[in-house]
């Protein structure tokens, strides 16, 4: 089996990613209702009750909407840093003490042959973090919900076999769109979201010889389109000397339809 994953849902309406090895399986965020999460798992032929745990990136509702329901129904362990646990208090309902685990930002937790590395990102949450999965020499890097990608972040995720990388908005669409200026300013800020072009510029510093798959994630439903994101990222990467389709492939993600379960 190796290291397998599926982006179950990605976007402003809800986010969830499934990752598994031969002996472990994790859900990263549960940003849709319990019923929707159940349907997504059914679509990829997996059983929520068999999960080793749920990893939480931050407390925004599009990442924790179904968290409490799933944890209580299936008695699942939840892993989050201390500030995120405090911020989630009152948002996810009662969680039994034996299901609550601290996963410090910048640390590594080992589950059998799977190492999960956490790293901080820049977003307007208590202490947002994302994850890199290491298994048998393979590396899966997840990074969304960040206003920019620092050199530290790039160093952590560099040369992953597969990336799930934020490509949130087209700057022109956002600027001309109907959002209030306060929200536009938040999205464009260092604690907001990465644009298509900025995502590609960051990717150009992270792609390595091992990289074969890049999934464009957390697209805004109002300020982006799949074709536009793919074209913008592809063109910017080409200007940096990267040839999509030869060195690696770009893949879409969707708010309601999981990506096929693939091994890297």
C-alpha atoms as a PDB file:
ATOM      1  CA  UNK A   1       0.000   0.000   0.000  1.00  0.00           C
ATOM      2  CA  UNK A   2       2.704   2.516   0.936  1.00  0.00           C
ATOM      3  CA  UNK A   3       1.485   6.035   1.713  1.00  0.00           C
ATOM      4  CA  UNK A   4      -2.000   6.734   0.327  1.00  0.00           C
ATOM      5  CA  UNK A   5      -4.195   9.795   0.480  1.00  0.00           C
ATOM      6  CA  UNK A   6      -7.345  11.458  -0.800  1.00  0.00           C
ATOM      7  CA  UNK A   7      -8.359  15.103  -0.564  1.00  0.00           C
ATOM      8  CA  UNK A   8     -11.923  14.412   0.548  1.00  0.00           C
ATOM      9  CA  UNK A   9     -13.041  18.046   0.347  1.00  0.00           C
ATOM     10  CA  UNK A  10     -11.255  21.343  -0.107  1.00  0.00           C
ATOM     11  CA  UNK A  11     -12.531  24.901  -0.212  1.00  0.00           C
ATOM     12  CA  UNK A  12     -14.150  27.625   1.853  1.00  0.00           C
ATOM     13  CA  UNK A  13     -17.177  25.401   2.594  1.00  0.00           C
ATOM     14  CA  UNK A  14     -15.195  22.605   4.240  1.00  0.00           C
ATOM     15  CA  UNK A  15     -11.859  20.805   4.301  1.00  0.00           C
ATOM     16  CA  UNK A  16     -10.816  17.227   5.021  1.00  0.00           C
ATOM     17  CA  UNK A  17      -7.924  15.012   3.891  1.00  0.00           C
ATOM     18  CA  UNK A  18      -7.550  11.257   4.422  1.00  0.00           C
ATOM     19  CA  UNK A  19      -4.072   9.734   4.776  1.00  0.00           C
ATOM     20  CA  UNK A  20      -3.207   6.078   5.384  1.00  0.00           C
ATOM     21  CA  UNK A  21      -0.430   3.511   5.472  1.00  0.00           C
ATOM     22  CA  UNK A  22      -0.653  -0.251   5.912  1.00  0.00           C
ATOM     23  CA  UNK A  23      -1.334   0.066   9.637  1.00  0.00           C
ATOM     24  CA  UNK A  24      -2.398   3.665  10.292  1.00  0.00           C
ATOM     25  CA  UNK A  25      -5.009   6.059   8.941  1.00  0.00           C
ATOM     26  CA  UNK A  26      -5.672   9.683   9.814  1.00  0.00           C
ATOM     27  CA  UNK A  27      -8.163  12.371   8.942  1.00  0.00           C
ATOM     28  CA  UNK A  28      -6.719  15.867   8.706  1.00  0.00           C
ATOM     29  CA  UNK A  29      -9.564  18.230   9.673  1.00  0.00           C
ATOM     30  CA  UNK A  30     -13.280  17.485   9.600  1.00  0.00           C
ATOM     31  CA  UNK A  31     -14.732  20.652   8.125  1.00  0.00           C
ATOM     32  CA  UNK A  32     -18.048  19.247   6.914  1.00  0.00           C
ATOM     33  CA  UNK A  33     -21.025  17.850   8.802  1.00  0.00           C
ATOM     34  CA  UNK A  34     -20.842  14.356  10.230  1.00  0.00           C
ATOM     35  CA  UNK A  35     -23.274  13.106   7.574  1.00  0.00           C
ATOM     36  CA  UNK A  36     -21.242  14.681   4.760  1.00  0.00           C
ATOM     37  CA  UNK A  37     -18.031  13.227   6.162  1.00  0.00           C
ATOM     38  CA  UNK A  38     -19.646   9.779   6.242  1.00  0.00           C
ATOM     39  CA  UNK A  39     -20.633  10.137   2.579  1.00  0.00           C
ATOM     40  CA  UNK A  40     -17.121  11.209   1.579  1.00  0.00           C
ATOM     41  CA  UNK A  41     -15.606   8.168   3.279  1.00  0.00           C
ATOM     42  CA  UNK A  42     -18.108   5.924   1.518  1.00  0.00           C
ATOM     43  CA  UNK A  43     -17.062   7.412  -1.823  1.00  0.00           C
ATOM     44  CA  UNK A  44     -13.456   6.311  -1.286  1.00  0.00           C
ATOM     45  CA  UNK A  45     -14.443   2.974   0.236  1.00  0.00           C
ATOM     46  CA  UNK A  46     -13.076   3.655   3.714  1.00  0.00           C
ATOM     47  CA  UNK A  47     -14.510   3.275   7.222  1.00  0.00           C
ATOM     48  CA  UNK A  48     -14.367   6.260   9.598  1.00  0.00           C
ATOM     49  CA  UNK A  49     -14.480   3.962  12.623  1.00  0.00           C
ATOM     50  CA  UNK A  50     -11.105   2.469  11.624  1.00  0.00           C
ATOM     51  CA  UNK A  51      -9.275   5.812  11.825  1.00  0.00           C
ATOM     52  CA  UNK A  52      -6.235   6.058  14.096  1.00  0.00           C
ATOM     53  CA  UNK A  53      -7.187   9.656  14.855  1.00  0.00           C
ATOM     54  CA  UNK A  54      -8.062  13.140  13.620  1.00  0.00           C
ATOM     55  CA  UNK A  55      -5.420  15.838  13.213  1.00  0.00           C
ATOM     56  CA  UNK A  56      -6.599  19.445  13.518  1.00  0.00           C
ATOM     57  CA  UNK A  57      -4.856  22.296  11.693  1.00  0.00           C
ATOM     58  CA  UNK A  58      -6.801  25.175  13.293  1.00  0.00           C
ATOM     59  CA  UNK A  59     -10.160  26.111  14.761  1.00  0.00           C
ATOM     60  CA  UNK A  60     -11.941  27.788  11.814  1.00  0.00           C
ATOM     61  CA  UNK A  61     -15.342  26.226  11.133  1.00  0.00           C
ATOM     62  CA  UNK A  62     -14.451  25.007   7.632  1.00  0.00           C
ATOM     63  CA  UNK A  63     -11.903  22.727   9.331  1.00  0.00           C
ATOM     64  CA  UNK A  64     -13.755  21.536  12.464  1.00  0.00           C
ATOM     65  CA  UNK A  65     -17.482  21.548  11.637  1.00  0.00           C
ATOM     66  CA  UNK A  66     -17.872  17.772  11.970  1.00  0.00           C
ATOM     67  CA  UNK A  67     -15.017  17.173  14.403  1.00  0.00           C
ATOM     68  CA  UNK A  68     -16.974  16.773  17.625  1.00  0.00           C
ATOM     69  CA  UNK A  69     -19.671  14.609  16.081  1.00  0.00           C
ATOM     70  CA  UNK A  70     -17.178  12.175  14.513  1.00  0.00           C
ATOM     71  CA  UNK A  71     -14.982  12.019  17.613  1.00  0.00           C
ATOM     72  CA  UNK A  72     -17.920  11.214  19.881  1.00  0.00           C
ATOM     73  CA  UNK A  73     -19.640   8.762  17.533  1.00  0.00           C
ATOM     74  CA  UNK A  74     -16.527   6.726  16.749  1.00  0.00           C
ATOM     75  CA  UNK A  75     -14.505   7.377  19.960  1.00  0.00           C
ATOM     76  CA  UNK A  76     -11.612   8.796  17.929  1.00  0.00           C
ATOM     77  CA  UNK A  77      -8.477  10.468  19.327  1.00  0.00           C
ATOM     78  CA  UNK A  78      -8.040  14.133  18.374  1.00  0.00           C
ATOM     79  CA  UNK A  79      -4.615  15.741  18.001  1.00  0.00           C
ATOM     80  CA  UNK A  80      -4.202  19.534  18.115  1.00  0.00           C
ATOM     81  CA  UNK A  81      -1.834  22.033  19.687  1.00  0.00           C
ATOM     82  CA  UNK A  82      -2.758  23.611  23.015  1.00  0.00           C
ATOM     83  CA  UNK A  83      -3.847  26.999  21.651  1.00  0.00           C
ATOM     84  CA  UNK A  84      -6.084  25.327  19.094  1.00  0.00           C
ATOM     85  CA  UNK A  85      -7.653  23.158  21.804  1.00  0.00           C
ATOM     86  CA  UNK A  86      -8.382  26.306  23.829  1.00  0.00           C
ATOM     87  CA  UNK A  87      -9.831  28.067  20.774  1.00  0.00           C
ATOM     88  CA  UNK A  88     -12.061  25.065  19.984  1.00  0.00           C
ATOM     89  CA  UNK A  89     -13.505  25.013  23.485  1.00  0.00           C
ATOM     90  CA  UNK A  90     -17.233  25.545  23.124  1.00  0.00           C
ATOM     91  CA  UNK A  91     -17.154  25.001  19.346  1.00  0.00           C
ATOM     92  CA  UNK A  92     -17.036  21.202  19.105  1.00  0.00           C
ATOM     93  CA  UNK A  93     -18.966  20.072  22.177  1.00  0.00           C
ATOM     94  CA  UNK A  94     -17.701  17.847  24.959  1.00  0.00           C
ATOM     95  CA  UNK A  95     -14.730  15.623  24.162  1.00  0.00           C
ATOM     96  CA  UNK A  96     -13.655  13.003  26.688  1.00  0.00           C
ATOM     97  CA  UNK A  97     -10.255  13.621  28.263  1.00  0.00           C
ATOM     98  CA  UNK A  98      -8.897  10.287  27.011  1.00  0.00           C
ATOM     99  CA  UNK A  99      -9.607  11.383  23.414  1.00  0.00           C
ATOM    100  CA  UNK A 100      -7.704  14.675  23.692  1.00  0.00           C
ATOM    101  CA  UNK A 101      -4.026  14.764  22.723  1.00  0.00           C
ATOM    102  CA  UNK A 102      -1.557  17.629  22.380  1.00  0.00           C
ATOM    103  CA  UNK A 103       0.411  17.813  19.131  1.00  0.00           C
ATOM    104  CA  UNK A 104       2.868  20.675  19.523  1.00  0.00           C
ATOM    105  CA  UNK A 105       3.670  22.871  16.538  1.00  0.00           C
ATOM    106  CA  UNK A 106       7.096  22.053  15.163  1.00  0.00           C
ATOM    107  CA  UNK A 107       7.178  18.536  16.588  1.00  0.00           C
ATOM    108  CA  UNK A 108       7.060  15.012  15.160  1.00  0.00           C
ATOM    109  CA  UNK A 109       4.783  12.206  16.313  1.00  0.00           C
ATOM    110  CA  UNK A 110       5.472   8.616  15.315  1.00  0.00           C
ATOM    111  CA  UNK A 111       2.718   6.060  14.751  1.00  0.00           C
ATOM    112  CA  UNK A 112       4.312   2.746  13.819  1.00  0.00           C
ATOM    113  CA  UNK A 113       6.190   3.326  10.563  1.00  0.00           C
ATOM    114  CA  UNK A 114       4.492   6.701   9.972  1.00  0.00           C
ATOM    115  CA  UNK A 115       6.104   9.946  11.117  1.00  0.00           C
ATOM    116  CA  UNK A 116       3.875  13.033  11.163  1.00  0.00           C
ATOM    117  CA  UNK A 117       5.671  16.379  11.302  1.00  0.00           C
ATOM    118  CA  UNK A 118       3.791  19.558  12.225  1.00  0.00           C
ATOM    119  CA  UNK A 119       4.820  23.062  11.210  1.00  0.00           C
ATOM    120  CA  UNK A 120       3.378  26.525  11.783  1.00  0.00           C
ATOM    121  CA  UNK A 121       1.737  28.622   9.060  1.00  0.00           C
ATOM    122  CA  UNK A 122       0.639  32.268   8.921  1.00  0.00           C
ATOM    123  CA  UNK A 123      -3.136  32.530   9.291  1.00  0.00           C
ATOM    124  CA  UNK A 124      -5.567  34.436  11.506  1.00  0.00           C
ATOM    125  CA  UNK A 125      -6.164  31.584  13.929  1.00  0.00           C
ATOM    126  CA  UNK A 126      -4.865  30.812  17.426  1.00  0.00           C
ATOM    127  CA  UNK A 127      -1.871  28.703  16.337  1.00  0.00           C
ATOM    128  CA  UNK A 128      -2.439  27.259  12.857  1.00  0.00           C
ATOM    129  CA  UNK A 129      -0.255  24.388  11.722  1.00  0.00           C
ATOM    130  CA  UNK A 130      -0.100  21.866   8.911  1.00  0.00           C
ATOM    131  CA  UNK A 131       1.522  18.501   8.447  1.00  0.00           C
ATOM    132  CA  UNK A 132       4.089  16.501   6.525  1.00  0.00           C
ATOM    133  CA  UNK A 133       3.683  12.711   6.445  1.00  0.00           C
ATOM    134  CA  UNK A 134       6.814  10.548   6.142  1.00  0.00           C
ATOM    135  CA  UNK A 135       6.583   6.827   5.399  1.00  0.00           C
ATOM    136  CA  UNK A 136       9.156   4.450   3.909  1.00  0.00           C
ATOM    137  CA  UNK A 137      11.056   7.249   2.202  1.00  0.00           C
ATOM    138  CA  UNK A 138       7.903   8.897   0.807  1.00  0.00           C
ATOM    139  CA  UNK A 139       6.745  12.374   1.780  1.00  0.00           C
ATOM    140  CA  UNK A 140       3.303  14.023   1.590  1.00  0.00           C
ATOM    141  CA  UNK A 141       3.132  17.746   2.415  1.00  0.00           C
ATOM    142  CA  UNK A 142      -0.099  19.593   3.224  1.00  0.00           C
ATOM    143  CA  UNK A 143      -0.122  23.395   3.281  1.00  0.00           C
ATOM    144  CA  UNK A 144      -3.174  25.638   2.996  1.00  0.00           C
ATOM    145  CA  UNK A 145      -4.590  28.510   5.046  1.00  0.00           C
ATOM    146  CA  UNK A 146      -1.471  30.641   5.056  1.00  0.00           C
ATOM    147  CA  UNK A 147      -0.987  34.248   3.965  1.00  0.00           C
ATOM    148  CA  UNK A 148       2.502  33.528   2.683  1.00  0.00           C
ATOM    149  CA  UNK A 149       4.984  30.657   2.503  1.00  0.00           C
ATOM    150  CA  UNK A 150       8.120  31.441   4.505  1.00  0.00           C
ATOM    151  CA  UNK A 151      11.580  30.000   3.935  1.00  0.00           C
ATOM    152  CA  UNK A 152      11.061  27.922   7.069  1.00  0.00           C
ATOM    153  CA  UNK A 153       7.874  26.400   5.665  1.00  0.00           C
ATOM    154  CA  UNK A 154       9.565  25.792   2.313  1.00  0.00           C
ATOM    155  CA  UNK A 155      12.408  23.989   4.031  1.00  0.00           C
ATOM    156  CA  UNK A 156       9.987  21.707   5.864  1.00  0.00           C
ATOM    157  CA  UNK A 157       7.930  20.718   2.829  1.00  0.00           C
ATOM    158  CA  UNK A 158      10.712  20.756   0.197  1.00  0.00           C
ATOM    159  CA  UNK A 159      10.932  17.840  -2.254  1.00  0.00           C
ATOM    160  CA  UNK A 160       7.728  16.125  -1.178  1.00  0.00           C
ATOM    161  CA  UNK A 161       6.532  13.344  -3.461  1.00  0.00           C
ATOM    162  CA  UNK A 162       3.089  14.968  -3.355  1.00  0.00           C
ATOM    163  CA  UNK A 163       1.856  18.392  -2.268  1.00  0.00           C
ATOM    164  CA  UNK A 164      -1.609  19.580  -1.311  1.00  0.00           C
ATOM    165  CA  UNK A 165      -0.932  23.274  -1.809  1.00  0.00           C
ATOM    166  CA  UNK A 166      -3.177  26.276  -1.304  1.00  0.00           C
ATOM    167  CA  UNK A 167      -4.129  28.192  -4.455  1.00  0.00           C
ATOM    168  CA  UNK A 168      -6.928  30.235  -2.935  1.00  0.00           C
ATOM    169  CA  UNK A 169      -7.731  33.173  -5.168  1.00  0.00           C
ATOM    170  CA  UNK A 170      -7.080  35.146  -8.308  1.00  0.00           C
ATOM    171  CA  UNK A 171      -6.056  38.607  -7.133  1.00  0.00           C
ATOM    172  CA  UNK A 172      -7.995  40.440  -9.873  1.00  0.00           C
ATOM    173  CA  UNK A 173     -11.179  38.476  -9.212  1.00  0.00           C
ATOM    174  CA  UNK A 174     -10.858  39.195  -5.495  1.00  0.00           C
ATOM    175  CA  UNK A 175     -10.208  42.908  -5.983  1.00  0.00           C
ATOM    176  CA  UNK A 176     -13.150  43.329  -8.367  1.00  0.00           C
ATOM    177  CA  UNK A 177     -15.478  41.018  -6.457  1.00  0.00           C
ATOM    178  CA  UNK A 178     -18.356  41.764  -4.084  1.00  0.00           C
ATOM    179  CA  UNK A 179     -16.554  41.124  -0.794  1.00  0.00           C
ATOM    180  CA  UNK A 180     -16.325  44.055   1.638  1.00  0.00           C
ATOM    181  CA  UNK A 181     -12.923  45.700   1.640  1.00  0.00           C
ATOM    182  CA  UNK A 182     -12.247  44.464   5.179  1.00  0.00           C
ATOM    183  CA  UNK A 183     -12.533  40.838   4.012  1.00  0.00           C
ATOM    184  CA  UNK A 184     -10.496  41.486   0.882  1.00  0.00           C
ATOM    185  CA  UNK A 185      -7.771  43.036   3.021  1.00  0.00           C
ATOM    186  CA  UNK A 186      -7.810  40.016   5.354  1.00  0.00           C
ATOM    187  CA  UNK A 187      -7.497  37.527   2.466  1.00  0.00           C
ATOM    188  CA  UNK A 188      -4.642  39.491   0.870  1.00  0.00           C
ATOM    189  CA  UNK A 189      -2.795  39.938   4.165  1.00  0.00           C
ATOM    190  CA  UNK A 190       0.074  37.899   5.594  1.00  0.00           C
ATOM    191  CA  UNK A 191      -2.453  36.034   7.768  1.00  0.00           C
ATOM    192  CA  UNK A 192      -4.940  35.379   4.971  1.00  0.00           C
ATOM    193  CA  UNK A 193      -4.661  33.075   1.976  1.00  0.00           C
ATOM    194  CA  UNK A 194      -2.145  32.499  -0.825  1.00  0.00           C
ATOM    195  CA  UNK A 195      -3.086  33.581  -4.366  1.00  0.00           C
ATOM    196  CA  UNK A 196      -2.620  31.427  -7.462  1.00  0.00           C
ATOM    197  CA  UNK A 197       0.505  33.269  -8.552  1.00  0.00           C
ATOM    198  CA  UNK A 198       2.085  33.415  -5.092  1.00  0.00           C
ATOM    199  CA  UNK A 199       1.349  29.715  -4.614  1.00  0.00           C
ATOM    200  CA  UNK A 200       3.207  28.886  -7.820  1.00  0.00           C
ATOM    201  CA  UNK A 201       6.161  31.067  -6.857  1.00  0.00           C
ATOM    202  CA  UNK A 202       6.374  29.247  -3.534  1.00  0.00           C
ATOM    203  CA  UNK A 203       6.006  25.874  -5.259  1.00  0.00           C
ATOM    204  CA  UNK A 204       8.967  26.686  -7.491  1.00  0.00           C
ATOM    205  CA  UNK A 205      11.152  26.734  -4.370  1.00  0.00           C
ATOM    206  CA  UNK A 206       9.679  23.497  -2.992  1.00  0.00           C
ATOM    207  CA  UNK A 207       9.493  21.163  -5.997  1.00  0.00           C
ATOM    208  CA  UNK A 208      12.283  18.593  -6.060  1.00  0.00           C
ATOM    209  CA  UNK A 209      13.293  15.506  -7.972  1.00  0.00           C
ATOM    210  CA  UNK A 210      10.862  13.383  -5.942  1.00  0.00           C
ATOM    211  CA  UNK A 211       7.858  15.613  -6.684  1.00  0.00           C
ATOM    212  CA  UNK A 212       5.287  13.955  -8.941  1.00  0.00           C
ATOM    213  CA  UNK A 213       1.898  15.297  -7.802  1.00  0.00           C
ATOM    214  CA  UNK A 214       0.643  18.755  -6.833  1.00  0.00           C
ATOM    215  CA  UNK A 215      -2.980  19.233  -5.783  1.00  0.00           C
ATOM    216  CA  UNK A 216      -4.317  22.794  -5.911  1.00  0.00           C
ATOM    217  CA  UNK A 217      -6.388  23.244  -2.775  1.00  0.00           C
ATOM    218  CA  UNK A 218      -8.686  25.565  -0.833  1.00  0.00           C
ATOM    219  CA  UNK A 219      -9.880  27.435  -3.950  1.00  0.00           C
ATOM    220  CA  UNK A 220     -12.273  30.275  -3.198  1.00  0.00           C
ATOM    221  CA  UNK A 221     -15.742  29.629  -4.617  1.00  0.00           C
ATOM    222  CA  UNK A 222     -16.157  33.363  -5.339  1.00  0.00           C
ATOM    223  CA  UNK A 223     -12.660  34.493  -6.306  1.00  0.00           C
ATOM    224  CA  UNK A 224     -11.193  31.593  -8.250  1.00  0.00           C
ATOM    225  CA  UNK A 225     -11.951  28.826 -10.758  1.00  0.00           C
ATOM    226  CA  UNK A 226     -10.267  25.470 -11.247  1.00  0.00           C
ATOM    227  CA  UNK A 227      -9.217  26.199 -14.837  1.00  0.00           C
ATOM    228  CA  UNK A 228      -7.930  29.653 -13.910  1.00  0.00           C
ATOM    229  CA  UNK A 229      -5.967  28.359 -10.930  1.00  0.00           C
ATOM    230  CA  UNK A 230      -4.398  25.554 -12.961  1.00  0.00           C
ATOM    231  CA  UNK A 231      -3.526  27.874 -15.855  1.00  0.00           C
ATOM    232  CA  UNK A 232      -2.076  30.551 -13.599  1.00  0.00           C
ATOM    233  CA  UNK A 233       0.017  28.090 -11.590  1.00  0.00           C
ATOM    234  CA  UNK A 234       1.176  26.290 -14.721  1.00  0.00           C
ATOM    235  CA  UNK A 235       2.225  29.523 -16.433  1.00  0.00           C
ATOM    236  CA  UNK A 236       4.079  30.848 -13.397  1.00  0.00           C
ATOM    237  CA  UNK A 237       5.862  27.534 -12.898  1.00  0.00           C
ATOM    238  CA  UNK A 238       6.797  27.505 -16.596  1.00  0.00           C
ATOM    239  CA  UNK A 239       8.374  30.947 -16.186  1.00  0.00           C
ATOM    240  CA  UNK A 240      10.523  29.361 -13.456  1.00  0.00           C
ATOM    241  CA  UNK A 241      11.586  26.514 -15.751  1.00  0.00           C
ATOM    242  CA  UNK A 242       9.174  23.799 -14.578  1.00  0.00           C
ATOM    243  CA  UNK A 243       7.272  21.749 -17.157  1.00  0.00           C
ATOM    244  CA  UNK A 244       3.906  20.497 -15.940  1.00  0.00           C
ATOM    245  CA  UNK A 245       3.036  17.099 -17.390  1.00  0.00           C
ATOM    246  CA  UNK A 246       6.664  16.056 -17.673  1.00  0.00           C
ATOM    247  CA  UNK A 247       8.252  16.690 -14.285  1.00  0.00           C
ATOM    248  CA  UNK A 248       5.001  16.446 -12.288  1.00  0.00           C
ATOM    249  CA  UNK A 249       1.225  16.636 -12.657  1.00  0.00           C
ATOM    250  CA  UNK A 250      -1.198  19.273 -11.389  1.00  0.00           C
ATOM    251  CA  UNK A 251      -4.520  18.037  -9.963  1.00  0.00           C
ATOM    252  CA  UNK A 252      -7.751  19.767  -8.965  1.00  0.00           C
ATOM    253  CA  UNK A 253      -9.530  19.380  -5.641  1.00  0.00           C
ATOM    254  CA  UNK A 254     -13.223  19.936  -5.025  1.00  0.00           C
ATOM    255  CA  UNK A 255     -15.498  21.111  -2.180  1.00  0.00           C
ATOM    256  CA  UNK A 256     -17.762  18.045  -2.398  1.00  0.00           C
ATOM    257  CA  UNK A 257     -16.022  15.307  -4.419  1.00  0.00           C
ATOM    258  CA  UNK A 258     -12.981  13.401  -3.119  1.00  0.00           C
ATOM    259  CA  UNK A 259      -9.886  12.975  -5.249  1.00  0.00           C
ATOM    260  CA  UNK A 260      -9.147   9.329  -6.098  1.00  0.00           C
ATOM    261  CA  UNK A 261      -7.246   7.479  -3.373  1.00  0.00           C
ATOM    262  CA  UNK A 262      -3.674   7.258  -4.667  1.00  0.00           C
ATOM    263  CA  UNK A 263      -0.383   5.870  -3.383  1.00  0.00           C
ATOM    264  CA  UNK A 264       2.855   7.831  -3.607  1.00  0.00           C
END
